[in-house]
Amino acid sequence: MHLITQTKNSASSSQWGFYISTFGVVFILLWLGIFKFTPTEAMAIKPLIANHPLSSWLYKLWSEQTVSNIVGIVEIAVAILILLSLKFKQLRRYAGIGVCIIFMMTLSYLFTTPNTFKHVDGVPVTDFFILKDILFLGFGINLLQSAKK
């Protein structure tokens, strides 16, 4: 009987990590998505988007602010999709795909944006804010894997 109780408690405590990660990613996506509607963030992301072969064309069609707004809409939509996937498991696959696309794209900016890496005291350094996306990409992969179960 003790083993059954212990297994049940372990399963429920393992869910804590999933929910903390889920709400953490949702919070960050919502926060950054909302921030994309500001001129400060629109200007900040322009060098990243303008130097990427998959997104540079956006500025030929739309203004700096409109491009940033579109990115914000996508981030907010994926955050909402993640939340909905908690209730509707069939949405997890799409939420996971959205998360993976967003964070693979942002990580790729490290390699397409000029002067992203610098050497300080012989150590290569970069915009560490973008490096957090490695963890978020891992979350997206886990979300995709959980959709298969």
N, C-alpha and C. Protein backbone atom coordinates (compact mmCIF):
# COMPACT_ATOMS: atom_id res chain seq x y z
N MET A 1 0.82 -1.19 0.00
CA MET A 1 0.00 0.00 0.00
C MET A 1 0.86 1.25 0.00
N HIS A 2 1.96 1.20 0.77
CA HIS A 2 2.87 2.34 0.84
C HIS A 2 3.45 2.64 -0.55
N LEU A 3 3.78 1.61 -1.32
CA LEU A 3 4.34 1.78 -2.65
C LEU A 3 3.35 2.48 -3.57
N ILE A 4 2.08 2.12 -3.50
CA ILE A 4 1.06 2.77 -4.33
C ILE A 4 0.94 4.24 -3.97
N THR A 5 0.91 4.55 -2.69
CA THR A 5 0.82 5.94 -2.24
C THR A 5 2.04 6.71 -2.69
N GLN A 6 3.21 6.10 -2.54
CA GLN A 6 4.45 6.76 -2.94
C GLN A 6 4.46 7.03 -4.44
N THR A 7 4.02 6.08 -5.25
CA THR A 7 3.99 6.26 -6.70
C THR A 7 3.00 7.37 -7.07
N LYS A 8 1.85 7.36 -6.42
CA LYS A 8 0.84 8.39 -6.70
C LYS A 8 1.38 9.77 -6.34
N ASN A 9 2.04 9.91 -5.18
CA ASN A 9 2.62 11.18 -4.77
C ASN A 9 3.73 11.62 -5.71
N SER A 10 4.55 10.67 -6.18
CA SER A 10 5.61 11.00 -7.12
C SER A 10 5.05 11.52 -8.42
N ALA A 11 3.98 10.90 -8.88
CA ALA A 11 3.37 11.33 -10.14
C ALA A 11 2.82 12.74 -10.01
N SER A 12 2.13 13.02 -8.91
CA SER A 12 1.56 14.35 -8.76
C SER A 12 2.64 15.40 -8.54
N SER A 13 3.73 15.05 -7.85
CA SER A 13 4.80 16.02 -7.65
C SER A 13 5.58 16.25 -8.94
N SER A 14 5.63 15.26 -9.81
CA SER A 14 6.31 15.46 -11.09
C SER A 14 5.52 16.41 -11.98
N GLN A 15 4.24 16.50 -11.75
CA GLN A 15 3.41 17.43 -12.51
C GLN A 15 3.72 18.89 -12.16
N TRP A 16 4.22 19.12 -10.95
CA TRP A 16 4.57 20.48 -10.56
C TRP A 16 5.56 21.10 -11.54
N GLY A 17 6.57 20.35 -11.90
CA GLY A 17 7.57 20.84 -12.85
C GLY A 17 6.96 21.19 -14.18
N PHE A 18 6.07 20.33 -14.64
CA PHE A 18 5.40 20.59 -15.92
C PHE A 18 4.59 21.89 -15.85
N TYR A 19 3.82 22.05 -14.79
CA TYR A 19 2.96 23.24 -14.68
C TYR A 19 3.78 24.51 -14.45
N ILE A 20 4.84 24.43 -13.66
CA ILE A 20 5.70 25.60 -13.48
C ILE A 20 6.32 26.01 -14.81
N SER A 21 6.82 25.03 -15.56
CA SER A 21 7.40 25.32 -16.88
C SER A 21 6.36 25.89 -17.82
N THR A 22 5.18 25.28 -17.82
CA THR A 22 4.12 25.72 -18.72
C THR A 22 3.74 27.16 -18.44
N PHE A 23 3.44 27.46 -17.19
CA PHE A 23 3.02 28.82 -16.87
C PHE A 23 4.17 29.81 -17.00
N GLY A 24 5.39 29.37 -16.80
CA GLY A 24 6.56 30.23 -17.04
C GLY A 24 6.68 30.62 -18.49
N VAL A 25 6.56 29.65 -19.38
CA VAL A 25 6.64 29.94 -20.82
C VAL A 25 5.47 30.82 -21.25
N VAL A 26 4.28 30.52 -20.76
CA VAL A 26 3.10 31.33 -21.11
C VAL A 26 3.32 32.77 -20.64
N PHE A 27 3.79 32.94 -19.42
CA PHE A 27 4.02 34.28 -18.87
C PHE A 27 5.02 35.06 -19.73
N ILE A 28 6.14 34.43 -20.06
CA ILE A 28 7.17 35.09 -20.87
C ILE A 28 6.64 35.43 -22.26
N LEU A 29 5.93 34.49 -22.90
CA LEU A 29 5.39 34.76 -24.23
C LEU A 29 4.37 35.89 -24.21
N LEU A 30 3.50 35.90 -23.20
CA LEU A 30 2.52 36.98 -23.10
C LEU A 30 3.22 38.32 -22.84
N TRP A 31 4.14 38.34 -21.93
CA TRP A 31 4.85 39.56 -21.58
C TRP A 31 5.61 40.12 -22.78
N LEU A 32 6.41 39.27 -23.42
CA LEU A 32 7.17 39.73 -24.58
C LEU A 32 6.25 40.04 -25.76
N GLY A 33 5.19 39.26 -25.91
CA GLY A 33 4.24 39.53 -26.99
C GLY A 33 3.59 40.89 -26.84
N ILE A 34 3.20 41.23 -25.63
CA ILE A 34 2.62 42.55 -25.38
C ILE A 34 3.66 43.65 -25.61
N PHE A 35 4.89 43.39 -25.18
CA PHE A 35 5.97 44.39 -25.35
C PHE A 35 6.26 44.66 -26.81
N LYS A 36 5.99 43.69 -27.69
CA LYS A 36 6.24 43.88 -29.12
C LYS A 36 5.39 45.02 -29.70
N PHE A 37 4.34 45.42 -29.02
CA PHE A 37 3.48 46.49 -29.51
C PHE A 37 4.03 47.87 -29.15
N THR A 38 5.22 47.93 -28.54
CA THR A 38 5.82 49.21 -28.19
C THR A 38 6.89 49.59 -29.23
N PRO A 39 7.09 50.88 -29.46
CA PRO A 39 8.13 51.29 -30.41
C PRO A 39 9.54 50.89 -29.95
N THR A 40 9.76 50.83 -28.64
CA THR A 40 11.08 50.44 -28.11
C THR A 40 11.43 49.02 -28.53
N GLU A 41 10.49 48.10 -28.37
CA GLU A 41 10.76 46.70 -28.74
C GLU A 41 10.80 46.54 -30.26
N ALA A 42 9.96 47.27 -30.97
CA ALA A 42 9.98 47.20 -32.44
C ALA A 42 11.36 47.58 -32.96
N MET A 43 11.94 48.61 -32.39
CA MET A 43 13.28 49.05 -32.79
C MET A 43 14.34 48.04 -32.35
N ALA A 44 14.16 47.44 -31.17
CA ALA A 44 15.15 46.50 -30.63
C ALA A 44 15.24 45.21 -31.44
N ILE A 45 14.10 44.73 -31.96
CA ILE A 45 14.13 43.46 -32.69
C ILE A 45 14.45 43.63 -34.18
N LYS A 46 14.43 44.85 -34.67
CA LYS A 46 14.67 45.06 -36.10
C LYS A 46 15.99 44.48 -36.59
N PRO A 47 17.12 44.69 -35.90
CA PRO A 47 18.37 44.10 -36.40
C PRO A 47 18.32 42.57 -36.47
N LEU A 48 17.61 41.95 -35.55
CA LEU A 48 17.50 40.49 -35.55
C LEU A 48 16.70 40.02 -36.77
N ILE A 49 15.54 40.60 -36.96
CA ILE A 49 14.65 40.18 -38.05
C ILE A 49 15.20 40.59 -39.41
N ALA A 50 15.77 41.79 -39.50
CA ALA A 50 16.26 42.30 -40.78
C ALA A 50 17.46 41.53 -41.31
N ASN A 51 18.22 40.88 -40.43
CA ASN A 51 19.41 40.15 -40.86
C ASN A 51 19.20 38.66 -41.00
N HIS A 52 17.99 38.21 -40.85
CA HIS A 52 17.70 36.78 -40.94
C HIS A 52 17.13 36.46 -42.32
N PRO A 53 17.64 35.43 -42.99
CA PRO A 53 17.17 35.12 -44.34
C PRO A 53 15.69 34.71 -44.41
N LEU A 54 15.13 34.20 -43.31
CA LEU A 54 13.72 33.79 -43.34
C LEU A 54 12.76 34.91 -42.98
N SER A 55 13.28 36.02 -42.45
CA SER A 55 12.36 37.07 -42.02
C SER A 55 12.67 38.47 -42.56
N SER A 56 13.80 38.66 -43.19
CA SER A 56 14.19 40.00 -43.64
C SER A 56 13.19 40.60 -44.63
N TRP A 57 12.52 39.77 -45.38
CA TRP A 57 11.54 40.24 -46.37
C TRP A 57 10.35 40.95 -45.75
N LEU A 58 10.09 40.72 -44.47
CA LEU A 58 8.93 41.33 -43.80
C LEU A 58 8.98 42.85 -43.85
N TYR A 59 10.18 43.42 -43.76
CA TYR A 59 10.31 44.88 -43.76
C TYR A 59 10.08 45.48 -45.14
N LYS A 60 10.10 44.66 -46.17
CA LYS A 60 9.76 45.16 -47.52
C LYS A 60 8.26 45.34 -47.67
N LEU A 61 7.50 44.60 -46.86
CA LEU A 61 6.04 44.66 -46.94
C LEU A 61 5.43 45.60 -45.90
N TRP A 62 6.02 45.63 -44.71
CA TRP A 62 5.40 46.36 -43.61
C TRP A 62 6.41 47.22 -42.87
N SER A 63 5.87 48.11 -42.06
CA SER A 63 6.71 49.00 -41.25
C SER A 63 7.35 48.23 -40.10
N GLU A 64 8.32 48.88 -39.47
CA GLU A 64 9.00 48.31 -38.31
C GLU A 64 8.00 47.93 -37.22
N GLN A 65 7.05 48.81 -36.96
CA GLN A 65 6.07 48.56 -35.90
C GLN A 65 5.10 47.44 -36.28
N THR A 66 4.69 47.39 -37.54
CA THR A 66 3.76 46.34 -37.98
C THR A 66 4.41 44.97 -37.88
N VAL A 67 5.67 44.86 -38.27
CA VAL A 67 6.39 43.59 -38.16
C VAL A 67 6.46 43.17 -36.69
N SER A 68 6.79 44.10 -35.83
CA SER A 68 6.86 43.79 -34.40
C SER A 68 5.49 43.37 -33.87
N ASN A 69 4.44 44.04 -34.32
CA ASN A 69 3.08 43.68 -33.90
C ASN A 69 2.73 42.26 -34.32
N ILE A 70 3.13 41.89 -35.54
CA ILE A 70 2.85 40.53 -36.04
C ILE A 70 3.57 39.50 -35.16
N VAL A 71 4.82 39.78 -34.84
CA VAL A 71 5.57 38.88 -33.96
C VAL A 71 4.86 38.78 -32.61
N GLY A 72 4.41 39.91 -32.08
CA GLY A 72 3.70 39.91 -30.81
C GLY A 72 2.41 39.11 -30.86
N ILE A 73 1.68 39.24 -31.95
CA ILE A 73 0.43 38.48 -32.11
C ILE A 73 0.72 36.98 -32.11
N VAL A 74 1.77 36.58 -32.81
CA VAL A 74 2.14 35.16 -32.85
C VAL A 74 2.52 34.67 -31.46
N GLU A 75 3.31 35.45 -30.74
CA GLU A 75 3.72 35.04 -29.40
C GLU A 75 2.52 34.92 -28.45
N ILE A 76 1.62 35.87 -28.52
CA ILE A 76 0.42 35.83 -27.67
C ILE A 76 -0.48 34.66 -28.07
N ALA A 77 -0.62 34.42 -29.37
CA ALA A 77 -1.46 33.31 -29.84
C ALA A 77 -0.91 31.96 -29.37
N VAL A 78 0.40 31.80 -29.43
CA VAL A 78 1.01 30.54 -28.98
C VAL A 78 0.86 30.39 -27.47
N ALA A 79 0.98 31.48 -26.73
CA ALA A 79 0.77 31.42 -25.27
C ALA A 79 -0.65 30.96 -24.95
N ILE A 80 -1.63 31.50 -25.65
CA ILE A 80 -3.02 31.10 -25.44
C ILE A 80 -3.23 29.64 -25.84
N LEU A 81 -2.59 29.23 -26.93
CA LEU A 81 -2.69 27.84 -27.38
C LEU A 81 -2.11 26.89 -26.33
N ILE A 82 -1.01 27.28 -25.70
CA ILE A 82 -0.42 26.46 -24.64
C ILE A 82 -1.42 26.31 -23.49
N LEU A 83 -2.03 27.42 -23.09
CA LEU A 83 -3.03 27.36 -22.02
C LEU A 83 -4.21 26.46 -22.39
N LEU A 84 -4.70 26.61 -23.61
CA LEU A 84 -5.82 25.77 -24.07
C LEU A 84 -5.43 24.30 -24.13
N SER A 85 -4.16 24.03 -24.40
CA SER A 85 -3.72 22.64 -24.51
C SER A 85 -3.73 21.93 -23.15
N LEU A 86 -3.79 22.70 -22.07
CA LEU A 86 -3.92 22.08 -20.75
C LEU A 86 -5.29 21.42 -20.60
N LYS A 87 -6.29 22.01 -21.21
CA LYS A 87 -7.66 21.48 -21.15
C LYS A 87 -7.94 20.54 -22.32
N PHE A 88 -7.42 20.89 -23.49
CA PHE A 88 -7.67 20.12 -24.70
C PHE A 88 -6.35 19.54 -25.20
N LYS A 89 -6.08 18.30 -24.79
CA LYS A 89 -4.79 17.68 -25.07
C LYS A 89 -4.47 17.61 -26.58
N GLN A 90 -5.49 17.55 -27.42
CA GLN A 90 -5.25 17.46 -28.86
C GLN A 90 -4.56 18.73 -29.41
N LEU A 91 -4.56 19.82 -28.63
CA LEU A 91 -3.90 21.06 -29.06
C LEU A 91 -2.42 21.09 -28.70
N ARG A 92 -1.97 20.15 -27.87
CA ARG A 92 -0.57 20.16 -27.43
C ARG A 92 0.41 20.08 -28.59
N ARG A 93 0.07 19.29 -29.56
CA ARG A 93 0.96 19.15 -30.72
C ARG A 93 1.17 20.50 -31.40
N TYR A 94 0.09 21.23 -31.60
CA TYR A 94 0.18 22.53 -32.28
C TYR A 94 0.87 23.56 -31.40
N ALA A 95 0.60 23.51 -30.11
CA ALA A 95 1.27 24.41 -29.17
C ALA A 95 2.77 24.12 -29.17
N GLY A 96 3.13 22.84 -29.14
CA GLY A 96 4.54 22.46 -29.16
C GLY A 96 5.24 22.89 -30.44
N ILE A 97 4.57 22.74 -31.56
CA ILE A 97 5.14 23.20 -32.84
C ILE A 97 5.35 24.70 -32.80
N GLY A 98 4.36 25.44 -32.32
CA GLY A 98 4.48 26.90 -32.23
C GLY A 98 5.64 27.32 -31.34
N VAL A 99 5.76 26.69 -30.18
CA VAL A 99 6.85 27.00 -29.26
C VAL A 99 8.20 26.70 -29.92
N CYS A 100 8.31 25.55 -30.55
CA CYS A 100 9.58 25.17 -31.20
C CYS A 100 9.95 26.14 -32.32
N ILE A 101 8.99 26.54 -33.12
CA ILE A 101 9.28 27.48 -34.21
C ILE A 101 9.75 28.82 -33.64
N ILE A 102 9.02 29.35 -32.67
CA ILE A 102 9.40 30.64 -32.08
C ILE A 102 10.83 30.60 -31.55
N PHE A 103 11.14 29.58 -30.75
CA PHE A 103 12.43 29.59 -30.07
C PHE A 103 13.58 29.09 -30.95
N MET A 104 13.32 28.27 -31.96
CA MET A 104 14.38 27.95 -32.92
C MET A 104 14.73 29.20 -33.72
N MET A 105 13.69 29.97 -34.06
CA MET A 105 13.92 31.20 -34.82
C MET A 105 14.75 32.19 -34.00
N THR A 106 14.36 32.41 -32.75
CA THR A 106 15.11 33.39 -31.95
C THR A 106 16.54 32.92 -31.69
N LEU A 107 16.73 31.63 -31.48
CA LEU A 107 18.09 31.13 -31.30
C LEU A 107 18.92 31.29 -32.57
N SER A 108 18.28 31.15 -33.72
CA SER A 108 19.03 31.29 -34.97
C SER A 108 19.50 32.73 -35.20
N TYR A 109 18.85 33.70 -34.54
CA TYR A 109 19.30 35.09 -34.65
C TYR A 109 20.73 35.26 -34.13
N LEU A 110 21.14 34.40 -33.22
CA LEU A 110 22.50 34.46 -32.71
C LEU A 110 23.53 34.28 -33.83
N PHE A 111 23.14 33.55 -34.87
CA PHE A 111 24.07 33.22 -35.94
C PHE A 111 23.87 34.07 -37.20
N THR A 112 22.75 34.80 -37.27
CA THR A 112 22.49 35.59 -38.48
C THR A 112 22.64 37.10 -38.25
N THR A 113 22.66 37.52 -37.01
CA THR A 113 22.79 38.94 -36.71
C THR A 113 24.26 39.30 -36.54
N PRO A 114 24.73 40.29 -37.31
CA PRO A 114 26.15 40.68 -37.20
C PRO A 114 26.51 41.15 -35.79
N ASN A 115 27.74 40.89 -35.41
CA ASN A 115 28.31 41.33 -34.14
C ASN A 115 27.57 40.80 -32.91
N THR A 116 26.95 39.64 -33.06
CA THR A 116 26.25 39.06 -31.93
C THR A 116 27.24 38.49 -30.91
N PHE A 117 28.30 37.91 -31.40
CA PHE A 117 29.32 37.35 -30.49
C PHE A 117 30.49 38.32 -30.39
N LYS A 118 30.93 38.52 -29.18
CA LYS A 118 32.10 39.35 -28.91
C LYS A 118 33.02 38.55 -28.00
N HIS A 119 34.27 38.96 -27.93
CA HIS A 119 35.21 38.31 -27.01
C HIS A 119 35.52 39.29 -25.89
N VAL A 120 35.29 38.84 -24.67
CA VAL A 120 35.60 39.63 -23.49
C VAL A 120 36.58 38.81 -22.65
N ASP A 121 37.77 39.35 -22.49
CA ASP A 121 38.82 38.65 -21.75
C ASP A 121 39.05 37.25 -22.30
N GLY A 122 38.97 37.12 -23.61
CA GLY A 122 39.23 35.86 -24.28
C GLY A 122 38.07 34.88 -24.27
N VAL A 123 36.94 35.28 -23.71
CA VAL A 123 35.78 34.40 -23.64
C VAL A 123 34.70 34.92 -24.59
N PRO A 124 34.19 34.05 -25.49
CA PRO A 124 33.10 34.53 -26.36
C PRO A 124 31.83 34.76 -25.54
N VAL A 125 31.22 35.92 -25.72
CA VAL A 125 29.97 36.25 -25.05
C VAL A 125 28.97 36.74 -26.09
N THR A 126 27.71 36.66 -25.72
CA THR A 126 26.65 37.06 -26.64
C THR A 126 25.52 37.69 -25.84
N ASP A 127 24.41 37.89 -26.50
CA ASP A 127 23.22 38.41 -25.84
C ASP A 127 22.62 37.26 -25.04
N PHE A 128 22.91 37.23 -23.76
CA PHE A 128 22.50 36.10 -22.92
C PHE A 128 20.98 36.01 -22.79
N PHE A 129 20.28 37.10 -23.06
CA PHE A 129 18.82 37.07 -23.00
C PHE A 129 18.28 36.06 -24.01
N ILE A 130 18.90 35.95 -25.16
CA ILE A 130 18.44 35.01 -26.17
C ILE A 130 18.76 33.57 -25.77
N LEU A 131 19.82 33.37 -25.01
CA LEU A 131 20.22 32.01 -24.63
C LEU A 131 19.17 31.30 -23.78
N LYS A 132 18.31 32.04 -23.09
CA LYS A 132 17.23 31.42 -22.30
C LYS A 132 16.31 30.60 -23.21
N ASP A 133 16.32 30.92 -24.49
CA ASP A 133 15.44 30.23 -25.42
C ASP A 133 15.82 28.77 -25.63
N ILE A 134 17.03 28.39 -25.23
CA ILE A 134 17.41 26.97 -25.27
C ILE A 134 16.46 26.19 -24.35
N LEU A 135 16.22 26.71 -23.16
CA LEU A 135 15.30 26.05 -22.22
C LEU A 135 13.88 26.02 -22.76
N PHE A 136 13.46 27.13 -23.36
CA PHE A 136 12.10 27.19 -23.91
C PHE A 136 11.93 26.22 -25.08
N LEU A 137 12.98 26.06 -25.87
CA LEU A 137 12.94 25.09 -26.96
C LEU A 137 12.78 23.68 -26.38
N GLY A 138 13.50 23.39 -25.32
CA GLY A 138 13.35 22.09 -24.64
C GLY A 138 11.93 21.88 -24.15
N PHE A 139 11.31 22.93 -23.62
CA PHE A 139 9.91 22.83 -23.19
C PHE A 139 9.01 22.50 -24.38
N GLY A 140 9.24 23.16 -25.52
CA GLY A 140 8.44 22.90 -26.71
C GLY A 140 8.57 21.46 -27.18
N ILE A 141 9.77 20.93 -27.12
CA ILE A 141 10.00 19.54 -27.51
C ILE A 141 9.26 18.61 -26.54
N ASN A 142 9.34 18.91 -25.25
CA ASN A 142 8.61 18.11 -24.25
C ASN A 142 7.10 18.17 -24.49
N LEU A 143 6.62 19.34 -24.85
CA LEU A 143 5.19 19.50 -25.13
C LEU A 143 4.79 18.64 -26.32
N LEU A 144 5.62 18.63 -27.35
CA LEU A 144 5.36 17.79 -28.52
C LEU A 144 5.36 16.31 -28.13
N GLN A 145 6.32 15.90 -27.31
CA GLN A 145 6.40 14.50 -26.89
C GLN A 145 5.21 14.13 -26.02
N SER A 146 4.74 15.03 -25.18
CA SER A 146 3.60 14.73 -24.32
C SER A 146 2.31 14.61 -25.13
N ALA A 147 2.28 15.21 -26.29
CA ALA A 147 1.10 15.11 -27.15
C ALA A 147 0.93 13.70 -27.71
N LYS A 148 2.02 12.95 -27.78
CA LYS A 148 1.99 11.60 -28.33
C LYS A 148 1.53 10.57 -27.32
N LYS A 149 1.54 10.92 -26.04
CA LYS A 149 1.20 9.96 -24.99
C LYS A 149 -0.30 9.81 -24.84
